[in-house]
């Protein structure tokens, strides 16, 4: 059994609400900070209890963030969660009604990249990024084409609402 798998099983058996495993989780957070704390944009690294009672390492990053190099979703058996402050979302991601608009629609990434390539390149420190590289960097999974495919499939089966551009009339 791999250490990562073993650690996940052990961590999952702990009652985080009673602080079980807290010393281990604190050490893992310190290791996480050593390994990922210097990534551009990573900040506010902390430890918490995820919905359902499991331990989680949490960090913040700006909207313009290179997801191709983000930390893993599990680190030494602890789930990792990230968030972007809502006030950092560009206009393309200002959703009025989450029931009828999917916040992370791939078309929103395309619109943002097409409107703000200079800002994206500057904030990522990569002045020669192509449109495709910017889309990959901003996509939640670090691969825009894969993200686009996932969104299209989820839209087809009704798991997410169809994309509506800001110029579309509201649904009646």
C-alpha atoms as a PDB file:
ATOM      1  CA  UNK A   1       0.000   0.000   0.000  1.00  0.00           C
ATOM      2  CA  UNK A   2       1.344   3.429  -0.946  1.00  0.00           C
ATOM      3  CA  UNK A   3       2.008   5.925   1.843  1.00  0.00           C
ATOM      4  CA  UNK A   4      -0.420   8.462   0.334  1.00  0.00           C
ATOM      5  CA  UNK A   5      -3.229   5.885   0.253  1.00  0.00           C
ATOM      6  CA  UNK A   6      -2.454   4.715   3.769  1.00  0.00           C
ATOM      7  CA  UNK A   7      -2.381   8.274   5.058  1.00  0.00           C
ATOM      8  CA  UNK A   8      -5.752   9.073   3.454  1.00  0.00           C
ATOM      9  CA  UNK A   9      -7.338   6.029   5.091  1.00  0.00           C
ATOM     10  CA  UNK A  10      -5.903   6.870   8.497  1.00  0.00           C
ATOM     11  CA  UNK A  11      -6.862  10.555   8.234  1.00  0.00           C
ATOM     12  CA  UNK A  12     -10.399   9.619   7.129  1.00  0.00           C
ATOM     13  CA  UNK A  13     -10.824   7.524  10.280  1.00  0.00           C
ATOM     14  CA  UNK A  14     -10.109  10.486  12.585  1.00  0.00           C
ATOM     15  CA  UNK A  15     -12.826  12.544  14.228  1.00  0.00           C
ATOM     16  CA  UNK A  16     -11.694  16.047  13.304  1.00  0.00           C
ATOM     17  CA  UNK A  17     -14.450  17.597  15.425  1.00  0.00           C
ATOM     18  CA  UNK A  18     -12.734  16.222  18.529  1.00  0.00           C
ATOM     19  CA  UNK A  19      -9.304  17.321  17.214  1.00  0.00           C
ATOM     20  CA  UNK A  20      -8.187  13.753  16.594  1.00  0.00           C
ATOM     21  CA  UNK A  21      -5.010  13.840  14.522  1.00  0.00           C
ATOM     22  CA  UNK A  22      -4.447  17.554  15.044  1.00  0.00           C
ATOM     23  CA  UNK A  23      -0.657  17.308  15.647  1.00  0.00           C
ATOM     24  CA  UNK A  24      -0.202  15.316  12.411  1.00  0.00           C
ATOM     25  CA  UNK A  25      -2.377  17.738  10.435  1.00  0.00           C
ATOM     26  CA  UNK A  26      -0.395  20.701  11.771  1.00  0.00           C
ATOM     27  CA  UNK A  27       2.875  19.082  10.622  1.00  0.00           C
ATOM     28  CA  UNK A  28       1.376  18.316   7.212  1.00  0.00           C
ATOM     29  CA  UNK A  29       0.268  21.950   6.881  1.00  0.00           C
ATOM     30  CA  UNK A  30       3.836  23.063   7.648  1.00  0.00           C
ATOM     31  CA  UNK A  31       5.177  20.703   4.961  1.00  0.00           C
ATOM     32  CA  UNK A  32       2.531  22.000   2.545  1.00  0.00           C
ATOM     33  CA  UNK A  33       3.656  25.576   3.250  1.00  0.00           C
ATOM     34  CA  UNK A  34       7.299  24.609   2.648  1.00  0.00           C
ATOM     35  CA  UNK A  35       6.461  22.941  -0.652  1.00  0.00           C
ATOM     36  CA  UNK A  36       3.745  25.230  -2.072  1.00  0.00           C
ATOM     37  CA  UNK A  37       3.767  28.453  -0.049  1.00  0.00           C
ATOM     38  CA  UNK A  38       6.111  30.151  -2.501  1.00  0.00           C
ATOM     39  CA  UNK A  39       3.931  29.478  -5.551  1.00  0.00           C
ATOM     40  CA  UNK A  40       2.885  32.760  -7.107  1.00  0.00           C
ATOM     41  CA  UNK A  41      -0.492  33.744  -5.661  1.00  0.00           C
ATOM     42  CA  UNK A  42      -0.800  31.081  -2.944  1.00  0.00           C
ATOM     43  CA  UNK A  43      -1.703  32.695   0.383  1.00  0.00           C
ATOM     44  CA  UNK A  44      -3.677  32.239   3.596  1.00  0.00           C
ATOM     45  CA  UNK A  45      -2.731  28.597   4.054  1.00  0.00           C
ATOM     46  CA  UNK A  46      -4.666  27.098   6.920  1.00  0.00           C
ATOM     47  CA  UNK A  47      -6.193  23.957   8.354  1.00  0.00           C
ATOM     48  CA  UNK A  48      -9.872  23.374   8.906  1.00  0.00           C
ATOM     49  CA  UNK A  49     -12.632  20.843   9.009  1.00  0.00           C
ATOM     50  CA  UNK A  50     -14.324  20.122   5.716  1.00  0.00           C
ATOM     51  CA  UNK A  51     -18.051  19.533   5.351  1.00  0.00           C
ATOM     52  CA  UNK A  52     -18.745  16.136   6.850  1.00  0.00           C
ATOM     53  CA  UNK A  53     -15.984  16.279   9.433  1.00  0.00           C
ATOM     54  CA  UNK A  54     -12.731  15.591   7.579  1.00  0.00           C
ATOM     55  CA  UNK A  55      -9.526  17.565   7.887  1.00  0.00           C
ATOM     56  CA  UNK A  56      -8.634  19.931   5.048  1.00  0.00           C
ATOM     57  CA  UNK A  57      -5.737  22.192   4.136  1.00  0.00           C
ATOM     58  CA  UNK A  58      -7.123  25.378   2.672  1.00  0.00           C
ATOM     59  CA  UNK A  59      -5.452  28.167   0.719  1.00  0.00           C
ATOM     60  CA  UNK A  60      -6.423  31.242  -1.278  1.00  0.00           C
ATOM     61  CA  UNK A  61      -5.285  32.393  -4.683  1.00  0.00           C
ATOM     62  CA  UNK A  62      -6.256  35.241  -7.011  1.00  0.00           C
ATOM     63  CA  UNK A  63      -8.550  34.632  -9.971  1.00  0.00           C
ATOM     64  CA  UNK A  64      -5.605  34.990 -12.341  1.00  0.00           C
ATOM     65  CA  UNK A  65      -3.674  31.955 -11.145  1.00  0.00           C
ATOM     66  CA  UNK A  66      -1.783  29.264 -13.045  1.00  0.00           C
ATOM     67  CA  UNK A  67      -3.769  26.107 -12.331  1.00  0.00           C
ATOM     68  CA  UNK A  68      -1.245  24.039 -14.280  1.00  0.00           C
ATOM     69  CA  UNK A  69       1.107  24.266 -11.295  1.00  0.00           C
ATOM     70  CA  UNK A  70      -1.365  24.314  -8.402  1.00  0.00           C
ATOM     71  CA  UNK A  71      -0.941  22.081  -5.353  1.00  0.00           C
ATOM     72  CA  UNK A  72      -2.447  18.575  -5.476  1.00  0.00           C
ATOM     73  CA  UNK A  73      -6.005  17.882  -4.258  1.00  0.00           C
ATOM     74  CA  UNK A  74      -4.641  15.540  -1.557  1.00  0.00           C
ATOM     75  CA  UNK A  75      -1.362  16.120   0.267  1.00  0.00           C
ATOM     76  CA  UNK A  76       0.019  13.501   2.645  1.00  0.00           C
ATOM     77  CA  UNK A  77      -3.486  12.148   3.186  1.00  0.00           C
ATOM     78  CA  UNK A  78      -5.169  15.504   3.811  1.00  0.00           C
ATOM     79  CA  UNK A  79      -7.637  16.930   1.306  1.00  0.00           C
ATOM     80  CA  UNK A  80      -6.639  20.291  -0.141  1.00  0.00           C
ATOM     81  CA  UNK A  81      -9.132  23.001  -0.997  1.00  0.00           C
ATOM     82  CA  UNK A  82      -8.600  26.385  -2.603  1.00  0.00           C
ATOM     83  CA  UNK A  83     -10.693  29.480  -2.959  1.00  0.00           C
ATOM     84  CA  UNK A  84     -10.653  32.791  -4.770  1.00  0.00           C
ATOM     85  CA  UNK A  85     -12.196  35.835  -3.112  1.00  0.00           C
ATOM     86  CA  UNK A  86     -15.397  36.765  -5.004  1.00  0.00           C
ATOM     87  CA  UNK A  87     -14.293  40.389  -5.218  1.00  0.00           C
ATOM     88  CA  UNK A  88     -11.419  39.183  -7.415  1.00  0.00           C
ATOM     89  CA  UNK A  89     -13.723  37.671 -10.076  1.00  0.00           C
ATOM     90  CA  UNK A  90     -13.621  39.552 -13.396  1.00  0.00           C
ATOM     91  CA  UNK A  91     -16.874  40.818 -14.991  1.00  0.00           C
ATOM     92  CA  UNK A  92     -17.220  37.660 -17.094  1.00  0.00           C
ATOM     93  CA  UNK A  93     -17.649  35.691 -13.858  1.00  0.00           C
ATOM     94  CA  UNK A  94     -20.203  37.943 -12.183  1.00  0.00           C
ATOM     95  CA  UNK A  95     -23.152  35.545 -12.180  1.00  0.00           C
ATOM     96  CA  UNK A  96     -26.536  36.917 -11.169  1.00  0.00           C
ATOM     97  CA  UNK A  97     -28.457  33.637 -10.844  1.00  0.00           C
ATOM     98  CA  UNK A  98     -26.484  30.436 -10.139  1.00  0.00           C
ATOM     99  CA  UNK A  99     -29.608  28.384 -10.875  1.00  0.00           C
ATOM    100  CA  UNK A 100     -29.640  29.522 -14.510  1.00  0.00           C
ATOM    101  CA  UNK A 101     -25.972  30.422 -15.072  1.00  0.00           C
ATOM    102  CA  UNK A 102     -22.923  28.205 -14.564  1.00  0.00           C
ATOM    103  CA  UNK A 103     -20.175  30.292 -12.971  1.00  0.00           C
ATOM    104  CA  UNK A 104     -17.307  28.226 -14.403  1.00  0.00           C
ATOM    105  CA  UNK A 105     -18.605  27.865 -17.995  1.00  0.00           C
ATOM    106  CA  UNK A 106     -15.729  27.495 -20.427  1.00  0.00           C
ATOM    107  CA  UNK A 107     -17.103  30.344 -22.537  1.00  0.00           C
ATOM    108  CA  UNK A 108     -16.473  32.725 -19.630  1.00  0.00           C
ATOM    109  CA  UNK A 109     -12.766  31.837 -19.694  1.00  0.00           C
ATOM    110  CA  UNK A 110     -12.623  32.453 -23.435  1.00  0.00           C
ATOM    111  CA  UNK A 111     -14.325  35.839 -23.075  1.00  0.00           C
ATOM    112  CA  UNK A 112     -12.011  36.878 -20.225  1.00  0.00           C
ATOM    113  CA  UNK A 113      -8.841  35.812 -22.052  1.00  0.00           C
ATOM    114  CA  UNK A 114      -9.978  37.577 -25.227  1.00  0.00           C
ATOM    115  CA  UNK A 115     -10.723  40.787 -23.282  1.00  0.00           C
ATOM    116  CA  UNK A 116      -7.696  40.838 -20.941  1.00  0.00           C
ATOM    117  CA  UNK A 117      -4.637  39.083 -22.406  1.00  0.00           C
ATOM    118  CA  UNK A 118      -2.199  41.824 -21.332  1.00  0.00           C
ATOM    119  CA  UNK A 119      -3.451  41.742 -17.728  1.00  0.00           C
ATOM    120  CA  UNK A 120      -3.264  37.935 -17.593  1.00  0.00           C
ATOM    121  CA  UNK A 121       0.253  37.839 -19.047  1.00  0.00           C
ATOM    122  CA  UNK A 122       1.416  40.553 -16.638  1.00  0.00           C
ATOM    123  CA  UNK A 123      -0.081  38.953 -13.523  1.00  0.00           C
ATOM    124  CA  UNK A 124       1.310  35.527 -14.410  1.00  0.00           C
ATOM    125  CA  UNK A 125       4.684  37.060 -15.301  1.00  0.00           C
ATOM    126  CA  UNK A 126       4.701  35.455 -18.742  1.00  0.00           C
ATOM    127  CA  UNK A 127       4.644  38.145 -21.434  1.00  0.00           C
ATOM    128  CA  UNK A 128       4.657  35.716 -24.358  1.00  0.00           C
ATOM    129  CA  UNK A 129       1.790  33.427 -23.343  1.00  0.00           C
ATOM    130  CA  UNK A 130      -0.438  32.307 -26.203  1.00  0.00           C
ATOM    131  CA  UNK A 131      -4.223  32.354 -25.929  1.00  0.00           C
ATOM    132  CA  UNK A 132      -4.179  28.574 -25.452  1.00  0.00           C
ATOM    133  CA  UNK A 133      -1.616  28.809 -22.646  1.00  0.00           C
ATOM    134  CA  UNK A 134      -3.685  31.463 -20.877  1.00  0.00           C
ATOM    135  CA  UNK A 135      -6.839  29.334 -21.172  1.00  0.00           C
ATOM    136  CA  UNK A 136      -4.989  26.311 -19.790  1.00  0.00           C
ATOM    137  CA  UNK A 137      -3.521  28.345 -16.913  1.00  0.00           C
ATOM    138  CA  UNK A 138      -6.912  29.758 -15.866  1.00  0.00           C
ATOM    139  CA  UNK A 139      -8.963  26.569 -16.302  1.00  0.00           C
ATOM    140  CA  UNK A 140      -9.755  24.902 -12.965  1.00  0.00           C
ATOM    141  CA  UNK A 141      -8.060  21.669 -14.031  1.00  0.00           C
ATOM    142  CA  UNK A 142      -5.151  23.309 -15.901  1.00  0.00           C
ATOM    143  CA  UNK A 143      -6.309  21.930 -19.268  1.00  0.00           C
ATOM    144  CA  UNK A 144      -8.812  24.091 -21.130  1.00  0.00           C
ATOM    145  CA  UNK A 145      -9.793  21.555 -23.789  1.00  0.00           C
ATOM    146  CA  UNK A 146     -10.522  18.963 -21.113  1.00  0.00           C
ATOM    147  CA  UNK A 147     -12.491  21.579 -19.125  1.00  0.00           C
ATOM    148  CA  UNK A 148     -14.465  22.521 -22.237  1.00  0.00           C
ATOM    149  CA  UNK A 149     -15.289  18.866 -22.867  1.00  0.00           C
ATOM    150  CA  UNK A 150     -16.370  18.332 -19.233  1.00  0.00           C
ATOM    151  CA  UNK A 151     -18.609  21.417 -19.320  1.00  0.00           C
ATOM    152  CA  UNK A 152     -20.167  20.371 -22.627  1.00  0.00           C
ATOM    153  CA  UNK A 153     -20.897  16.868 -21.323  1.00  0.00           C
ATOM    154  CA  UNK A 154     -22.399  18.186 -18.074  1.00  0.00           C
ATOM    155  CA  UNK A 155     -24.531  20.667 -19.994  1.00  0.00           C
ATOM    156  CA  UNK A 156     -25.758  17.923 -22.356  1.00  0.00           C
ATOM    157  CA  UNK A 157     -26.969  15.737 -19.477  1.00  0.00           C
ATOM    158  CA  UNK A 158     -28.481  18.684 -17.612  1.00  0.00           C
ATOM    159  CA  UNK A 159     -26.054  18.817 -14.675  1.00  0.00           C
ATOM    160  CA  UNK A 160     -25.199  22.450 -15.387  1.00  0.00           C
ATOM    161  CA  UNK A 161     -27.359  25.098 -17.064  1.00  0.00           C
ATOM    162  CA  UNK A 162     -26.672  26.020 -20.698  1.00  0.00           C
ATOM    163  CA  UNK A 163     -24.331  28.950 -21.141  1.00  0.00           C
ATOM    164  CA  UNK A 164     -25.942  32.333 -21.651  1.00  0.00           C
ATOM    165  CA  UNK A 165     -23.810  35.247 -22.741  1.00  0.00           C
ATOM    166  CA  UNK A 166     -24.260  38.558 -20.906  1.00  0.00           C
ATOM    167  CA  UNK A 167     -26.095  39.887 -23.962  1.00  0.00           C
ATOM    168  CA  UNK A 168     -28.706  37.085 -23.910  1.00  0.00           C
ATOM    169  CA  UNK A 169     -32.133  38.061 -22.659  1.00  0.00           C
ATOM    170  CA  UNK A 170     -33.032  36.707 -19.206  1.00  0.00           C
ATOM    171  CA  UNK A 171     -35.068  33.522 -19.120  1.00  0.00           C
ATOM    172  CA  UNK A 172     -38.793  34.149 -18.669  1.00  0.00           C
END
